Amino acid sequence: MRADKKKRLEAAGWRLGNAKDFLNLDEVDSQLVEIKLLLARKLRELREQLEITQEELARRLRSSQSRVAKIEAGDPSVSMELLIRSLLAAGADSEDIGRTLTSKRR
């Protein structure tokens, strides 16, 4: 956020924070959310590199397109197991997943 916008919002009485603050997450839950979001972004990136649709990835997972959309969006109802299965179905291996988790995007 631009500094001038931040100052205007704070001057108007708004309190700025992040998702951790807003949801009152402890450090473990905050890291888990961050990990799930990193993996969800990686899944979308892999799917787009493969030039396949969410529907095609869903077929590989024996699931639905709407479920793939939820996975890519980081929906909290998506289990870590399904997220990893999806990455593997999109061609990732354990080293790819490890690199994603240690990337500088964190």
Protein backbone atom coordinates (compact mmCIF):
# COMPACT_ATOMS: atom_id res chain seq x y z
CA MET A 1 0.00 0.00 0.00
CA ARG A 2 1.25 3.47 -0.85
CA ALA A 3 2.48 5.46 2.15
CA ASP A 4 0.18 8.44 1.44
CA LYS A 5 -2.89 6.21 1.30
CA LYS A 6 -1.85 4.48 4.51
CA LYS A 7 -1.47 7.85 6.27
CA ARG A 8 -4.90 9.00 5.08
CA LEU A 9 -6.56 5.82 6.31
CA GLU A 10 -4.84 5.98 9.68
CA ALA A 11 -5.74 9.67 10.03
CA ALA A 12 -9.37 8.74 9.37
CA GLY A 13 -9.26 6.28 12.27
CA TRP A 14 -8.69 3.05 10.36
CA ARG A 15 -6.38 0.49 11.91
CA LEU A 16 -4.23 -1.37 9.40
CA GLY A 17 -3.01 -4.92 9.85
CA ASN A 18 -2.73 -8.25 8.15
CA ALA A 19 -4.75 -11.46 8.03
CA LYS A 20 -2.92 -12.79 11.09
CA ASP A 21 -4.03 -9.78 13.11
CA PHE A 22 -7.55 -9.71 11.69
CA LEU A 23 -8.19 -13.40 12.32
CA ASN A 24 -6.25 -13.44 15.59
CA LEU A 25 -4.10 -16.34 14.41
CA ASP A 26 -1.22 -17.72 16.41
CA GLU A 27 2.16 -18.16 14.70
CA VAL A 28 1.56 -21.82 13.78
CA ASP A 29 -1.82 -21.16 12.17
CA SER A 30 -0.44 -18.13 10.38
CA GLN A 31 2.40 -20.18 8.89
CA LEU A 32 0.00 -22.94 7.88
CA VAL A 33 -2.19 -20.45 6.01
CA GLU A 34 0.89 -19.02 4.28
CA ILE A 35 2.07 -22.50 3.25
CA LYS A 36 -1.32 -23.43 1.84
CA LEU A 37 -1.44 -20.20 -0.17
CA LEU A 38 2.05 -20.76 -1.56
CA LEU A 39 1.13 -24.28 -2.65
CA ALA A 40 -2.17 -23.12 -4.15
CA ARG A 41 -0.33 -20.48 -6.21
CA LYS A 42 2.16 -23.11 -7.35
CA LEU A 43 -0.67 -25.39 -8.47
CA ARG A 44 -2.21 -22.66 -10.61
CA GLU A 45 1.21 -21.83 -12.06
CA LEU A 46 1.85 -25.48 -12.97
CA ARG A 47 -1.61 -25.90 -14.49
CA GLU A 48 -1.12 -22.79 -16.62
CA GLN A 49 2.34 -23.99 -17.72
CA LEU A 50 0.76 -27.27 -18.81
CA GLU A 51 -1.86 -25.22 -20.65
CA ILE A 52 -4.68 -27.30 -19.20
CA THR A 53 -7.99 -26.13 -17.81
CA GLN A 54 -9.25 -26.58 -14.28
CA GLU A 55 -11.64 -29.12 -15.76
CA GLU A 56 -8.77 -31.21 -17.17
CA LEU A 57 -6.91 -31.10 -13.86
CA ALA A 58 -10.14 -32.11 -12.13
CA ARG A 59 -10.37 -35.18 -14.40
CA ARG A 60 -6.84 -36.15 -13.41
CA LEU A 61 -7.85 -35.85 -9.76
CA ARG A 62 -11.20 -37.57 -10.30
CA SER A 63 -12.81 -34.44 -8.88
CA SER A 64 -14.75 -31.43 -10.12
CA GLN A 65 -13.72 -28.16 -11.74
CA SER A 66 -15.25 -26.22 -8.85
CA ARG A 67 -13.08 -28.18 -6.40
CA VAL A 68 -9.96 -27.30 -8.41
CA ALA A 69 -11.04 -23.64 -8.33
CA LYS A 70 -11.33 -23.87 -4.54
CA ILE A 71 -7.90 -25.50 -4.29
CA GLU A 72 -6.31 -22.74 -6.39
CA ALA A 73 -8.10 -20.05 -4.39
CA GLY A 74 -6.72 -21.38 -1.10
CA ASP A 75 -10.17 -22.22 0.26
CA PRO A 76 -9.89 -23.27 3.91
CA SER A 77 -12.03 -26.37 3.28
CA VAL A 78 -9.24 -27.85 1.13
CA SER A 79 -7.07 -30.32 3.01
CA MET A 80 -3.30 -30.27 2.78
CA GLU A 81 -3.49 -33.82 1.40
CA LEU A 82 -5.72 -32.74 -1.50
CA LEU A 83 -3.49 -29.77 -2.21
CA ILE A 84 -0.41 -31.99 -2.42
CA ARG A 85 -2.23 -34.64 -4.47
CA SER A 86 -3.22 -31.89 -6.89
CA LEU A 87 0.35 -30.68 -7.22
CA LEU A 88 1.53 -34.22 -7.90
CA ALA A 89 -1.23 -34.71 -10.50
CA ALA A 90 -0.05 -31.51 -12.19
CA GLY A 91 3.46 -32.91 -12.48
CA ALA A 92 5.20 -31.55 -9.40
CA ASP A 93 7.51 -33.76 -7.37
CA SER A 94 8.62 -33.50 -3.76
CA GLU A 95 11.58 -31.32 -4.72
CA ASP A 96 9.27 -28.86 -6.53
CA ILE A 97 7.05 -28.69 -3.46
CA GLY A 98 10.06 -28.16 -1.20
CA ARG A 99 11.39 -25.37 -3.42
CA THR A 100 7.97 -23.71 -3.37
CA LEU A 101 7.96 -23.71 0.41
CA THR A 102 11.43 -22.22 0.63
CA SER A 103 11.03 -19.69 -2.15
CA LYS A 104 11.70 -16.01 -1.56
CA ARG A 105 8.01 -15.19 -2.17
CA ARG A 106 7.31 -16.02 1.48
